[in-house]
Amino acid sequence: MKVLVIDGGGRGHALYNKIRQSPLVRRVIVAPGNAGILSQYRRAVKTDDIEGLVALAQRECVDLVIVGPEAPLVGGLVDRLHQAGIAAFGPTAQAAQLEGSKIYTKTRCRLWRIPTADFEIADNAASAEYIIKKTGFRVIKYDGLCGGKGVVVADTEDEAIEAAREALSRGSHILIEDRLQGYELSVIVLCDGVNVLQKPLKPNTDFFE
């Protein structure tokens, strides 16, 4: 196969290095890539240029596109690639809402009875302050994509109110959550929409004890 990796950072570099080791792959190109990858394997198309990336995949006659960043996934890149008849690894725009909107994800958790921290939604500073004072919740989350920097775990009520005002200055809605105590564990799986592939967990027993 000829594979196109969409990414401009370290993740894309790691994908490039690993994928090119496969005997099933004859060539890997990256858009836009980074300086650690030889220029002959890089293509100067930005990750948010949906139509440009589709055109690149068509021009290069790639067999598979692997999308790294969240923004083009939320923007519907995988949908457009599928429409063009090009295989793509990554969620559709509808599925990517789970990453693109914390409110969408939390309301789905509540709807489907998936355990999650209790929460309220605020759309202005006054309602945010009321919720914080009424519930004691002090975890403030910006709703949209924010590069992993959209959460404030406040220690005091005043800090939570200030964080809520700041988050609302960047968007129309925010999440205000209860603060959970304990360990955090991430489980990463591959899913094709029906089937799930998970690497068996081998936890450190001392940690979990």
N, C-alpha and C. Protein backbone atom coordinates (compact mmCIF):
# COMPACT_ATOMS: atom_id res chain seq x y z
N MET A 1 0.83 -1.21 0.00
CA MET A 1 0.00 0.00 0.00
C MET A 1 0.86 1.26 0.00
N LYS A 2 0.27 2.33 -0.49
CA LYS A 2 0.84 3.66 -0.33
C LYS A 2 -0.01 4.37 0.70
N VAL A 3 0.62 4.88 1.74
CA VAL A 3 -0.10 5.43 2.89
C VAL A 3 0.21 6.92 3.04
N LEU A 4 -0.84 7.69 3.33
CA LEU A 4 -0.70 9.11 3.64
C LEU A 4 -1.04 9.33 5.10
N VAL A 5 -0.11 9.89 5.85
CA VAL A 5 -0.33 10.23 7.26
C VAL A 5 -0.58 11.72 7.36
N ILE A 6 -1.69 12.10 8.00
CA ILE A 6 -2.01 13.51 8.21
C ILE A 6 -1.59 13.90 9.61
N ASP A 7 -0.53 14.70 9.73
CA ASP A 7 -0.05 15.14 11.04
C ASP A 7 1.18 16.02 10.83
N GLY A 8 1.41 16.90 11.78
CA GLY A 8 2.58 17.75 11.67
C GLY A 8 3.49 17.70 12.87
N GLY A 9 3.20 16.80 13.82
CA GLY A 9 3.98 16.75 15.04
C GLY A 9 4.67 15.43 15.30
N GLY A 10 4.98 15.19 16.57
CA GLY A 10 5.68 13.97 16.96
C GLY A 10 4.86 12.72 16.74
N ARG A 11 3.55 12.81 16.93
CA ARG A 11 2.68 11.66 16.70
C ARG A 11 2.77 11.21 15.25
N GLY A 12 2.70 12.17 14.33
CA GLY A 12 2.79 11.84 12.91
C GLY A 12 4.13 11.26 12.55
N HIS A 13 5.19 11.77 13.17
CA HIS A 13 6.54 11.25 12.93
C HIS A 13 6.62 9.80 13.40
N ALA A 14 6.06 9.51 14.57
CA ALA A 14 6.08 8.14 15.09
C ALA A 14 5.27 7.20 14.19
N LEU A 15 4.11 7.66 13.72
CA LEU A 15 3.29 6.85 12.82
C LEU A 15 4.05 6.58 11.52
N TYR A 16 4.69 7.61 10.99
CA TYR A 16 5.48 7.47 9.76
C TYR A 16 6.56 6.40 9.92
N ASN A 17 7.31 6.51 11.02
CA ASN A 17 8.42 5.56 11.24
C ASN A 17 7.92 4.13 11.41
N LYS A 18 6.81 3.95 12.11
CA LYS A 18 6.32 2.60 12.38
C LYS A 18 5.65 1.98 11.15
N ILE A 19 4.82 2.76 10.47
CA ILE A 19 4.08 2.23 9.33
C ILE A 19 5.02 1.81 8.21
N ARG A 20 6.08 2.57 7.99
CA ARG A 20 6.98 2.24 6.89
C ARG A 20 7.75 0.94 7.13
N GLN A 21 7.70 0.41 8.35
CA GLN A 21 8.34 -0.88 8.64
C GLN A 21 7.50 -2.07 8.20
N SER A 22 6.23 -1.82 7.90
CA SER A 22 5.34 -2.92 7.54
C SER A 22 5.65 -3.46 6.15
N PRO A 23 5.68 -4.79 5.99
CA PRO A 23 5.89 -5.38 4.66
C PRO A 23 4.72 -5.14 3.71
N LEU A 24 3.58 -4.68 4.25
CA LEU A 24 2.42 -4.39 3.42
C LEU A 24 2.49 -2.99 2.80
N VAL A 25 3.49 -2.20 3.21
CA VAL A 25 3.57 -0.80 2.80
C VAL A 25 4.77 -0.59 1.89
N ARG A 26 4.54 0.05 0.75
CA ARG A 26 5.65 0.35 -0.17
C ARG A 26 6.13 1.78 -0.05
N ARG A 27 5.25 2.69 0.45
CA ARG A 27 5.65 4.10 0.56
C ARG A 27 4.74 4.81 1.55
N VAL A 28 5.33 5.72 2.33
CA VAL A 28 4.57 6.54 3.27
C VAL A 28 4.92 8.00 3.03
N ILE A 29 3.89 8.83 2.90
CA ILE A 29 4.10 10.27 2.83
C ILE A 29 3.31 10.92 3.96
N VAL A 30 3.74 12.12 4.35
CA VAL A 30 3.14 12.80 5.50
C VAL A 30 2.78 14.24 5.12
N ALA A 31 1.63 14.69 5.54
CA ALA A 31 1.22 16.08 5.32
C ALA A 31 0.79 16.72 6.65
N PRO A 32 1.41 17.81 7.08
CA PRO A 32 2.57 18.41 6.44
C PRO A 32 3.90 17.79 6.89
N GLY A 33 3.88 16.95 7.92
CA GLY A 33 5.12 16.38 8.43
C GLY A 33 5.93 17.40 9.19
N ASN A 34 7.17 17.04 9.53
CA ASN A 34 8.05 17.97 10.24
C ASN A 34 9.49 17.79 9.75
N ALA A 35 10.39 18.60 10.27
CA ALA A 35 11.76 18.64 9.77
C ALA A 35 12.52 17.33 10.00
N GLY A 36 12.01 16.47 10.87
CA GLY A 36 12.68 15.19 11.11
C GLY A 36 12.43 14.17 10.02
N ILE A 37 11.52 14.48 9.10
CA ILE A 37 11.19 13.58 8.00
C ILE A 37 11.77 14.17 6.71
N LEU A 38 12.41 13.35 5.90
CA LEU A 38 13.02 13.83 4.66
C LEU A 38 11.98 14.54 3.80
N SER A 39 12.38 15.63 3.19
CA SER A 39 11.45 16.47 2.43
C SER A 39 10.76 15.71 1.31
N GLN A 40 11.40 14.70 0.76
CA GLN A 40 10.79 13.94 -0.34
C GLN A 40 9.56 13.16 0.10
N TYR A 41 9.40 12.98 1.42
CA TYR A 41 8.24 12.26 1.93
C TYR A 41 7.22 13.20 2.56
N ARG A 42 7.45 14.51 2.51
CA ARG A 42 6.53 15.48 3.09
C ARG A 42 5.77 16.22 1.99
N ARG A 43 4.54 16.60 2.31
CA ARG A 43 3.72 17.38 1.40
C ARG A 43 3.19 18.59 2.15
N ALA A 44 3.33 19.76 1.59
CA ALA A 44 3.00 21.02 2.27
C ALA A 44 1.52 21.33 2.19
N VAL A 45 0.71 20.52 2.85
CA VAL A 45 -0.72 20.77 2.96
C VAL A 45 -1.07 20.79 4.45
N LYS A 46 -1.72 21.84 4.91
CA LYS A 46 -2.03 21.99 6.33
C LYS A 46 -3.10 20.99 6.77
N THR A 47 -3.07 20.65 8.04
CA THR A 47 -4.01 19.64 8.55
C THR A 47 -5.45 20.13 8.58
N ASP A 48 -5.68 21.44 8.53
CA ASP A 48 -7.06 21.96 8.53
C ASP A 48 -7.59 22.24 7.13
N ASP A 49 -6.80 21.92 6.11
CA ASP A 49 -7.22 22.12 4.72
C ASP A 49 -7.89 20.84 4.21
N ILE A 50 -9.17 20.69 4.54
CA ILE A 50 -9.88 19.45 4.24
C ILE A 50 -9.86 19.13 2.74
N GLU A 51 -10.27 20.08 1.92
CA GLU A 51 -10.32 19.83 0.48
C GLU A 51 -8.93 19.63 -0.10
N GLY A 52 -7.95 20.36 0.43
CA GLY A 52 -6.58 20.20 -0.04
C GLY A 52 -6.03 18.82 0.27
N LEU A 53 -6.38 18.27 1.42
CA LEU A 53 -5.92 16.94 1.80
C LEU A 53 -6.58 15.85 0.95
N VAL A 54 -7.87 16.03 0.66
CA VAL A 54 -8.56 15.07 -0.21
C VAL A 54 -7.93 15.09 -1.60
N ALA A 55 -7.67 16.30 -2.11
CA ALA A 55 -7.04 16.43 -3.42
C ALA A 55 -5.65 15.80 -3.42
N LEU A 56 -4.91 15.97 -2.33
CA LEU A 56 -3.58 15.37 -2.22
C LEU A 56 -3.66 13.85 -2.27
N ALA A 57 -4.60 13.29 -1.51
CA ALA A 57 -4.77 11.83 -1.50
C ALA A 57 -5.11 11.31 -2.89
N GLN A 58 -5.93 12.05 -3.62
CA GLN A 58 -6.29 11.64 -4.97
C GLN A 58 -5.09 11.77 -5.91
N ARG A 59 -4.39 12.88 -5.79
CA ARG A 59 -3.24 13.13 -6.68
C ARG A 59 -2.13 12.11 -6.47
N GLU A 60 -1.92 11.70 -5.21
CA GLU A 60 -0.86 10.75 -4.89
C GLU A 60 -1.30 9.30 -5.06
N CYS A 61 -2.60 9.10 -5.34
CA CYS A 61 -3.15 7.74 -5.52
C CYS A 61 -2.85 6.84 -4.32
N VAL A 62 -3.13 7.35 -3.12
CA VAL A 62 -2.85 6.59 -1.91
C VAL A 62 -3.93 5.54 -1.68
N ASP A 63 -3.56 4.47 -1.00
CA ASP A 63 -4.51 3.40 -0.68
C ASP A 63 -5.15 3.59 0.68
N LEU A 64 -4.49 4.34 1.55
CA LEU A 64 -4.98 4.51 2.92
C LEU A 64 -4.51 5.85 3.47
N VAL A 65 -5.41 6.55 4.16
CA VAL A 65 -5.06 7.80 4.84
C VAL A 65 -5.25 7.60 6.33
N ILE A 66 -4.25 7.98 7.11
CA ILE A 66 -4.32 7.88 8.58
C ILE A 66 -4.31 9.30 9.13
N VAL A 67 -5.37 9.67 9.86
CA VAL A 67 -5.53 11.04 10.34
C VAL A 67 -5.18 11.11 11.81
N GLY A 68 -4.24 11.99 12.16
CA GLY A 68 -3.82 12.12 13.54
C GLY A 68 -4.56 13.19 14.33
N PRO A 69 -4.54 14.46 13.91
CA PRO A 69 -5.09 15.55 14.71
C PRO A 69 -6.62 15.50 14.84
N GLU A 70 -7.12 16.08 15.92
CA GLU A 70 -8.56 16.07 16.18
C GLU A 70 -9.33 17.01 15.24
N ALA A 71 -8.75 18.18 14.94
CA ALA A 71 -9.48 19.20 14.18
C ALA A 71 -9.96 18.71 12.81
N PRO A 72 -9.11 18.09 11.99
CA PRO A 72 -9.62 17.61 10.71
C PRO A 72 -10.63 16.47 10.84
N LEU A 73 -10.54 15.70 11.91
CA LEU A 73 -11.53 14.65 12.15
C LEU A 73 -12.89 15.28 12.45
N VAL A 74 -12.90 16.26 13.36
CA VAL A 74 -14.14 16.97 13.68
C VAL A 74 -14.66 17.71 12.45
N GLY A 75 -13.72 18.18 11.62
CA GLY A 75 -14.10 18.91 10.42
C GLY A 75 -14.62 18.05 9.28
N GLY A 76 -14.60 16.73 9.46
CA GLY A 76 -15.19 15.84 8.46
C GLY A 76 -14.25 15.31 7.41
N LEU A 77 -12.94 15.29 7.67
CA LEU A 77 -11.99 14.81 6.68
C LEU A 77 -12.25 13.35 6.29
N VAL A 78 -12.49 12.50 7.28
CA VAL A 78 -12.73 11.09 6.99
C VAL A 78 -13.99 10.92 6.12
N ASP A 79 -15.02 11.69 6.40
CA ASP A 79 -16.24 11.64 5.59
C ASP A 79 -15.94 12.00 4.13
N ARG A 80 -15.16 13.07 3.93
CA ARG A 80 -14.83 13.49 2.57
C ARG A 80 -13.97 12.46 1.86
N LEU A 81 -13.05 11.84 2.57
CA LEU A 81 -12.21 10.81 1.95
C LEU A 81 -13.06 9.62 1.53
N HIS A 82 -13.99 9.21 2.40
CA HIS A 82 -14.87 8.10 2.06
C HIS A 82 -15.72 8.43 0.84
N GLN A 83 -16.21 9.67 0.76
CA GLN A 83 -16.99 10.10 -0.39
C GLN A 83 -16.18 10.02 -1.67
N ALA A 84 -14.86 10.24 -1.54
CA ALA A 84 -13.97 10.19 -2.71
C ALA A 84 -13.49 8.77 -3.00
N GLY A 85 -13.95 7.80 -2.19
CA GLY A 85 -13.57 6.41 -2.42
C GLY A 85 -12.21 6.04 -1.89
N ILE A 86 -11.73 6.80 -0.90
CA ILE A 86 -10.39 6.56 -0.34
C ILE A 86 -10.54 6.02 1.08
N ALA A 87 -9.89 4.92 1.38
CA ALA A 87 -9.94 4.33 2.73
C ALA A 87 -9.23 5.25 3.71
N ALA A 88 -9.83 5.41 4.90
CA ALA A 88 -9.26 6.31 5.90
C ALA A 88 -9.39 5.70 7.29
N PHE A 89 -8.35 5.89 8.10
CA PHE A 89 -8.34 5.44 9.49
C PHE A 89 -8.61 6.65 10.37
N GLY A 90 -9.76 6.64 11.02
CA GLY A 90 -10.14 7.75 11.89
C GLY A 90 -11.66 7.83 11.94
N PRO A 91 -12.21 8.45 12.99
CA PRO A 91 -13.66 8.54 13.11
C PRO A 91 -14.28 9.53 12.13
N THR A 92 -15.54 9.30 11.81
CA THR A 92 -16.30 10.27 11.02
C THR A 92 -16.55 11.52 11.86
N ALA A 93 -17.08 12.54 11.21
CA ALA A 93 -17.36 13.79 11.93
C ALA A 93 -18.36 13.56 13.06
N GLN A 94 -19.36 12.71 12.82
CA GLN A 94 -20.35 12.44 13.86
C GLN A 94 -19.72 11.77 15.06
N ALA A 95 -18.88 10.76 14.82
CA ALA A 95 -18.22 10.07 15.93
C ALA A 95 -17.19 10.97 16.60
N ALA A 96 -16.54 11.84 15.83
CA ALA A 96 -15.50 12.72 16.38
C ALA A 96 -16.07 13.77 17.32
N GLN A 97 -17.40 13.93 17.34
CA GLN A 97 -18.01 14.85 18.31
C GLN A 97 -17.69 14.44 19.75
N LEU A 98 -17.43 13.16 19.96
CA LEU A 98 -17.07 12.71 21.30
C LEU A 98 -15.79 13.39 21.79
N GLU A 99 -14.92 13.76 20.85
CA GLU A 99 -13.70 14.50 21.18
C GLU A 99 -13.91 16.00 21.02
N GLY A 100 -14.73 16.37 20.05
CA GLY A 100 -14.88 17.78 19.72
C GLY A 100 -15.75 18.56 20.67
N SER A 101 -16.63 17.88 21.42
CA SER A 101 -17.51 18.59 22.35
C SER A 101 -17.64 17.79 23.64
N LYS A 102 -17.14 18.35 24.72
CA LYS A 102 -17.26 17.68 26.03
C LYS A 102 -18.73 17.60 26.46
N ILE A 103 -19.50 18.62 26.11
CA ILE A 103 -20.92 18.61 26.47
C ILE A 103 -21.64 17.50 25.73
N TYR A 104 -21.34 17.31 24.46
CA TYR A 104 -21.94 16.22 23.69
C TYR A 104 -21.63 14.88 24.35
N THR A 105 -20.37 14.67 24.72
CA THR A 105 -19.96 13.40 25.32
C THR A 105 -20.62 13.19 26.68
N LYS A 106 -20.63 14.20 27.52
CA LYS A 106 -21.19 14.05 28.86
C LYS A 106 -22.69 13.80 28.81
N THR A 107 -23.40 14.50 27.93
CA THR A 107 -24.84 14.29 27.84
C THR A 107 -25.15 12.89 27.30
N ARG A 108 -24.29 12.37 26.41
CA ARG A 108 -24.47 10.99 25.94
C ARG A 108 -24.21 10.00 27.05
N CYS A 109 -23.22 10.26 27.88
CA CYS A 109 -22.95 9.39 29.02
C CYS A 109 -24.16 9.34 29.94
N ARG A 110 -24.76 10.49 30.19
CA ARG A 110 -25.94 10.53 31.05
C ARG A 110 -27.11 9.79 30.40
N LEU A 111 -27.28 9.99 29.09
CA LEU A 111 -28.37 9.35 28.37
C LEU A 111 -28.24 7.83 28.37
N TRP A 112 -27.00 7.35 28.16
CA TRP A 112 -26.76 5.91 28.04
C TRP A 112 -26.33 5.28 29.37
N ARG A 113 -26.40 6.07 30.46
CA ARG A 113 -26.09 5.58 31.80
C ARG A 113 -24.66 5.04 31.91
N ILE A 114 -23.74 5.75 31.29
CA ILE A 114 -22.31 5.44 31.42
C ILE A 114 -21.78 6.23 32.61
N PRO A 115 -21.17 5.59 33.60
CA PRO A 115 -20.70 6.31 34.79
C PRO A 115 -19.75 7.45 34.43
N THR A 116 -20.02 8.60 34.97
CA THR A 116 -19.18 9.79 34.75
C THR A 116 -19.42 10.75 35.89
N ALA A 117 -18.50 11.69 36.07
CA ALA A 117 -18.66 12.69 37.13
C ALA A 117 -19.94 13.50 36.90
N ASP A 118 -20.64 13.82 37.98
CA ASP A 118 -21.85 14.63 37.88
C ASP A 118 -21.47 16.01 37.33
N PHE A 119 -22.39 16.62 36.60
CA PHE A 119 -22.05 17.87 35.94
C PHE A 119 -23.27 18.74 35.72
N GLU A 120 -23.00 20.03 35.43
CA GLU A 120 -24.02 20.98 35.00
C GLU A 120 -23.45 21.75 33.82
N ILE A 121 -24.33 22.35 33.03
CA ILE A 121 -23.91 23.14 31.87
C ILE A 121 -24.30 24.59 32.11
N ALA A 122 -23.36 25.50 31.83
CA ALA A 122 -23.63 26.93 32.00
C ALA A 122 -23.39 27.66 30.68
N ASP A 123 -24.21 28.69 30.43
CA ASP A 123 -24.04 29.47 29.20
C ASP A 123 -23.78 30.95 29.47
N ASN A 124 -23.63 31.32 30.75
CA ASN A 124 -23.26 32.70 31.08
C ASN A 124 -22.62 32.71 32.47
N ALA A 125 -21.97 33.82 32.78
CA ALA A 125 -21.22 33.91 34.04
C ALA A 125 -22.12 33.80 35.26
N ALA A 126 -23.31 34.38 35.21
CA ALA A 126 -24.21 34.35 36.36
C ALA A 126 -24.66 32.92 36.66
N SER A 127 -25.04 32.17 35.62
CA SER A 127 -25.47 30.79 35.84
C SER A 127 -24.31 29.93 36.31
N ALA A 128 -23.11 30.19 35.79
CA ALA A 128 -21.93 29.44 36.21
C ALA A 128 -21.66 29.66 37.70
N GLU A 129 -21.72 30.91 38.14
CA GLU A 129 -21.48 31.22 39.56
C GLU A 129 -22.54 30.57 40.43
N TYR A 130 -23.79 30.59 39.98
CA TYR A 130 -24.88 29.97 40.74
C TYR A 130 -24.65 28.47 40.89
N ILE A 131 -24.26 27.82 39.79
CA ILE A 131 -24.04 26.37 39.81
C ILE A 131 -22.90 26.01 40.75
N ILE A 132 -21.81 26.78 40.66
CA ILE A 132 -20.63 26.49 41.49
C ILE A 132 -20.98 26.63 42.97
N LYS A 133 -21.70 27.68 43.31
CA LYS A 133 -22.06 27.90 44.72
C LYS A 133 -23.09 26.88 45.20
N LYS A 134 -24.01 26.48 44.33
CA LYS A 134 -25.06 25.54 44.71
C LYS A 134 -24.54 24.11 44.86
N THR A 135 -23.68 23.68 43.92
CA THR A 135 -23.25 22.28 43.88
C THR A 135 -21.91 22.03 44.55
N GLY A 136 -21.06 23.07 44.58
CA GLY A 136 -19.70 22.86 45.08
C GLY A 136 -18.77 22.28 44.02
N PHE A 137 -19.27 22.12 42.79
CA PHE A 137 -18.42 21.61 41.70
C PHE A 137 -17.35 22.64 41.37
N ARG A 138 -16.11 22.15 41.13
CA ARG A 138 -15.01 23.09 40.88
C ARG A 138 -14.13 22.68 39.70
N VAL A 139 -14.60 21.77 38.87
CA VAL A 139 -13.86 21.41 37.66
C VAL A 139 -14.54 22.11 36.49
N ILE A 140 -13.81 22.98 35.81
CA ILE A 140 -14.35 23.80 34.73
C ILE A 140 -13.76 23.30 33.41
N LYS A 141 -14.64 23.02 32.44
CA LYS A 141 -14.19 22.50 31.16
C LYS A 141 -14.76 23.32 30.01
N TYR A 142 -13.84 23.79 29.16
CA TYR A 142 -14.22 24.44 27.92
C TYR A 142 -14.79 23.38 26.99
N ASP A 143 -15.82 23.72 26.24
CA ASP A 143 -16.57 22.71 25.49
C ASP A 143 -15.84 22.17 24.26
N GLY A 144 -15.20 23.01 23.48
CA GLY A 144 -14.65 22.59 22.20
C GLY A 144 -13.22 22.08 22.28
N LEU A 145 -12.60 21.92 21.08
CA LEU A 145 -11.21 21.48 21.01
C LEU A 145 -10.30 22.55 21.61
N CYS A 146 -9.36 22.11 22.41
CA CYS A 146 -8.49 23.09 23.08
C CYS A 146 -7.08 22.53 23.30
N GLY A 147 -6.71 21.51 22.55
CA GLY A 147 -5.34 21.00 22.63
C GLY A 147 -4.94 20.48 23.99
N GLY A 148 -5.90 19.91 24.72
CA GLY A 148 -5.59 19.35 26.03
C GLY A 148 -5.43 20.38 27.12
N LYS A 149 -5.80 21.63 26.85
CA LYS A 149 -5.59 22.72 27.83
C LYS A 149 -6.90 23.39 28.22
N GLY A 150 -8.01 22.69 28.10
CA GLY A 150 -9.29 23.32 28.36
C GLY A 150 -9.94 22.94 29.67
N VAL A 151 -9.15 22.48 30.64
CA VAL A 151 -9.71 22.05 31.92
C VAL A 151 -8.99 22.76 33.07
N VAL A 152 -9.78 23.26 34.02
CA VAL A 152 -9.23 23.85 35.24
C VAL A 152 -9.82 23.11 36.43
N VAL A 153 -8.94 22.55 37.27
CA VAL A 153 -9.36 21.91 38.51
C VAL A 153 -9.09 22.91 39.63
N ALA A 154 -10.11 23.62 40.03
CA ALA A 154 -9.94 24.71 41.00
C ALA A 154 -9.96 24.20 42.43
N ASP A 155 -9.18 24.85 43.27
CA ASP A 155 -9.13 24.48 44.68
C ASP A 155 -10.15 25.23 45.51
N THR A 156 -10.54 26.41 45.04
CA THR A 156 -11.48 27.22 45.81
C THR A 156 -12.66 27.62 44.93
N GLU A 157 -13.71 28.07 45.58
CA GLU A 157 -14.90 28.53 44.87
C GLU A 157 -14.59 29.74 43.99
N ASP A 158 -13.81 30.67 44.51
CA ASP A 158 -13.46 31.86 43.73
C ASP A 158 -12.66 31.50 42.49
N GLU A 159 -11.72 30.57 42.63
CA GLU A 159 -10.93 30.13 41.48
C GLU A 159 -11.83 29.49 40.42
N ALA A 160 -12.80 28.71 40.85
CA ALA A 160 -13.71 28.06 39.92
C ALA A 160 -14.55 29.09 39.17
N ILE A 161 -15.03 30.11 39.88
CA ILE A 161 -15.84 31.16 39.25
C ILE A 161 -15.01 31.94 38.22
N GLU A 162 -13.78 32.25 38.58
CA GLU A 162 -12.90 32.97 37.65
C GLU A 162 -12.59 32.12 36.42
N ALA A 163 -12.34 30.83 36.63
CA ALA A 163 -12.06 29.92 35.51
C ALA A 163 -13.27 29.79 34.60
N ALA A 164 -14.46 29.78 35.19
CA ALA A 164 -15.69 29.69 34.40
C ALA A 164 -15.85 30.93 33.54
N ARG A 165 -15.59 32.11 34.10
CA ARG A 165 -15.68 33.35 33.32
C ARG A 165 -14.69 33.34 32.16
N GLU A 166 -13.49 32.87 32.42
CA GLU A 166 -12.47 32.80 31.37
C GLU A 166 -12.89 31.85 30.26
N ALA A 167 -13.40 30.69 30.64
CA ALA A 167 -13.82 29.69 29.64
C ALA A 167 -14.99 30.22 28.81
N LEU A 168 -15.91 30.92 29.45
CA LEU A 168 -17.07 31.47 28.73
C LEU A 168 -16.67 32.58 27.77
N SER A 169 -15.52 33.21 28.01
CA SER A 169 -15.04 34.24 27.08
C SER A 169 -14.57 33.64 25.77
N ARG A 170 -14.35 32.31 25.76
CA ARG A 170 -13.88 31.62 24.54
C ARG A 170 -14.97 30.78 23.89
N GLY A 171 -16.12 30.66 24.53
CA GLY A 171 -17.19 29.85 23.96
C GLY A 171 -18.50 30.14 24.64
N SER A 172 -19.59 29.64 24.06
CA SER A 172 -20.92 29.98 24.56
C SER A 172 -21.39 29.08 25.70
N HIS A 173 -20.79 27.91 25.86
CA HIS A 173 -21.19 26.96 26.90
C HIS A 173 -19.97 26.33 27.54
N ILE A 174 -20.09 25.99 28.81
CA ILE A 174 -19.02 25.28 29.52
C ILE A 174 -19.63 24.17 30.36
N LEU A 175 -18.77 23.23 30.75
CA LEU A 175 -19.14 22.18 31.70
C LEU A 175 -18.61 22.55 33.07
N ILE A 176 -19.41 22.30 34.09
CA ILE A 176 -18.96 22.45 35.47
C ILE A 176 -19.18 21.10 36.13
N GLU A 177 -18.08 20.46 36.54
CA GLU A 177 -18.14 19.08 36.99
C GLU A 177 -17.75 18.92 38.45
N ASP A 178 -18.22 17.81 39.00
CA ASP A 178 -17.77 17.38 40.31
C ASP A 178 -16.33 16.89 40.19
N ARG A 179 -15.58 17.02 41.25
CA ARG A 179 -14.19 16.57 41.25
C ARG A 179 -14.10 15.16 41.83
N LEU A 180 -13.57 14.24 41.03
CA LEU A 180 -13.43 12.86 41.47
C LEU A 180 -12.04 12.63 42.06
N GLN A 181 -11.96 11.78 43.05
CA GLN A 181 -10.68 11.45 43.68
C GLN A 181 -10.29 10.02 43.30
N GLY A 182 -9.01 9.80 43.07
CA GLY A 182 -8.55 8.45 42.77
C GLY A 182 -7.61 8.41 41.58
N TYR A 183 -7.31 7.21 41.15
CA TYR A 183 -6.40 7.01 40.03
C TYR A 183 -7.14 7.17 38.71
N GLU A 184 -6.41 7.57 37.69
CA GLU A 184 -6.96 7.66 36.34
C GLU A 184 -6.28 6.61 35.46
N LEU A 185 -7.08 5.90 34.70
CA LEU A 185 -6.55 4.85 33.83
C LEU A 185 -7.10 5.04 32.43
N SER A 186 -6.23 5.11 31.45
CA SER A 186 -6.65 5.22 30.06
C SER A 186 -6.57 3.85 29.39
N VAL A 187 -7.61 3.50 28.65
CA VAL A 187 -7.64 2.26 27.88
C VAL A 187 -7.84 2.63 26.41
N ILE A 188 -6.91 2.26 25.56
CA ILE A 188 -6.97 2.60 24.15
C ILE A 188 -7.33 1.37 23.33
N VAL A 189 -8.34 1.50 22.48
CA VAL A 189 -8.77 0.39 21.65
C VAL A 189 -8.90 0.86 20.20
N LEU A 190 -8.93 -0.09 19.28
CA LEU A 190 -9.24 0.19 17.87
C LEU A 190 -10.65 -0.31 17.61
N CYS A 191 -11.43 0.50 16.88
CA CYS A 191 -12.82 0.14 16.62
C CYS A 191 -13.17 0.49 15.18
N ASP A 192 -13.86 -0.42 14.49
CA ASP A 192 -14.29 -0.16 13.11
C ASP A 192 -15.76 0.23 13.04
N GLY A 193 -16.36 0.52 14.19
CA GLY A 193 -17.77 0.85 14.23
C GLY A 193 -18.62 -0.29 14.75
N VAL A 194 -18.07 -1.50 14.68
CA VAL A 194 -18.78 -2.69 15.15
C VAL A 194 -17.89 -3.49 16.09
N ASN A 195 -16.69 -3.77 15.65
CA ASN A 195 -15.76 -4.61 16.41
C ASN A 195 -14.74 -3.76 17.16
N VAL A 196 -14.29 -4.28 18.30
CA VAL A 196 -13.31 -3.58 19.12
C VAL A 196 -12.10 -4.48 19.34
N LEU A 197 -10.91 -3.90 19.13
CA LEU A 197 -9.66 -4.62 19.35
C LEU A 197 -8.90 -3.92 20.47
N GLN A 198 -8.65 -4.65 21.54
CA GLN A 198 -7.96 -4.07 22.69
C GLN A 198 -6.76 -4.93 23.05
N LYS A 199 -5.63 -4.27 23.28
CA LYS A 199 -4.47 -4.99 23.76
C LYS A 199 -4.71 -5.38 25.21
N PRO A 200 -4.45 -6.65 25.58
CA PRO A 200 -4.71 -7.09 26.96
C PRO A 200 -3.96 -6.22 27.97
N LEU A 201 -4.65 -5.84 29.04
CA LEU A 201 -4.04 -5.02 30.07
C LEU A 201 -3.18 -5.88 30.99
N LYS A 202 -2.03 -5.36 31.35
CA LYS A 202 -1.15 -6.02 32.31
C LYS A 202 -0.83 -5.01 33.40
N PRO A 203 -1.77 -4.75 34.29
CA PRO A 203 -1.57 -3.70 35.29
C PRO A 203 -0.50 -4.06 36.30
N ASN A 204 0.12 -3.02 36.81
CA ASN A 204 1.07 -3.17 37.91
C ASN A 204 0.26 -3.44 39.19
N THR A 205 0.36 -4.65 39.71
CA THR A 205 -0.49 -5.03 40.85
C THR A 205 -0.22 -4.17 42.07
N ASP A 206 1.03 -3.73 42.25
CA ASP A 206 1.34 -2.86 43.39
C ASP A 206 0.57 -1.55 43.30
N PHE A 207 0.50 -1.01 42.05
CA PHE A 207 -0.22 0.25 41.83
C PHE A 207 -1.69 0.12 42.19
N PHE A 208 -2.32 -0.95 41.70
CA PHE A 208 -3.75 -1.10 41.91
C PHE A 208 -4.09 -1.55 43.32
N GLU A 209 -3.15 -2.15 44.03
CA GLU A 209 -3.40 -2.48 45.42
C GLU A 209 -3.34 -1.24 46.29
